[in-house]
């Protein structure tokens, strides 16, 4: 796939460029700030961009704001945030759309290269990939505790996996359930949270996260 990297740490940026090149991907640009990311995206129109959150000049939320602009202008381009931080306001906006092609991973929690590459391919393919800790922090913002309180412990387990971007089949494998059981739990979750069931798992994930952040 064609990838643009935005990371202000030269060492990490060059390491990611080398890693992706070794995996056969084409890194069409590697930049160090949000403005350069938007300019490179407009010129190259990659399959996916990988961006940090805090970059020059203020080192606050430039990367996420650039990601939101990319999502708005070029919805067909996947966006994978790779950061040490969960910037809640913009993170919620980023993942609460209904188009998929989005992910948010924490650098310190990506234990294996394969996890990063799998998330990148999932996002580029139209899916979603969220670190469980990102989901946990966004869920903590919700004012709908009564609705969440109606979920059983097993439904909460299924919801967490859904919010990470897993399919029903992978949830079944992770929780040692049959796929039909996962489907029943998923339907119960949507009923209890007053959410309409979407056509695909990424749509379900984003609908749930939008509800939790409302």
Foldseek 3Di string as FASTA:
>chain_A
DEEEEEAQPPVVQVVVCVVCVVVVYHDPYYYHFLVVVLVVCVVPVGLEYEYEQAGPDVGHGRGLVSLVVCCVPPVRHAYEYEYQDQPQPSNLVNLQDQFALYEYYYNVPPPDPVLVVVQNVQSSVRFYAYDLVSVVVLLVQAPPVVLVVVQDPVLVLLLSCLLRGDFLVVSCVVVVHDSVVSVVSLVVSCVSLVHDDDDGSSNSNSNVSNSSND
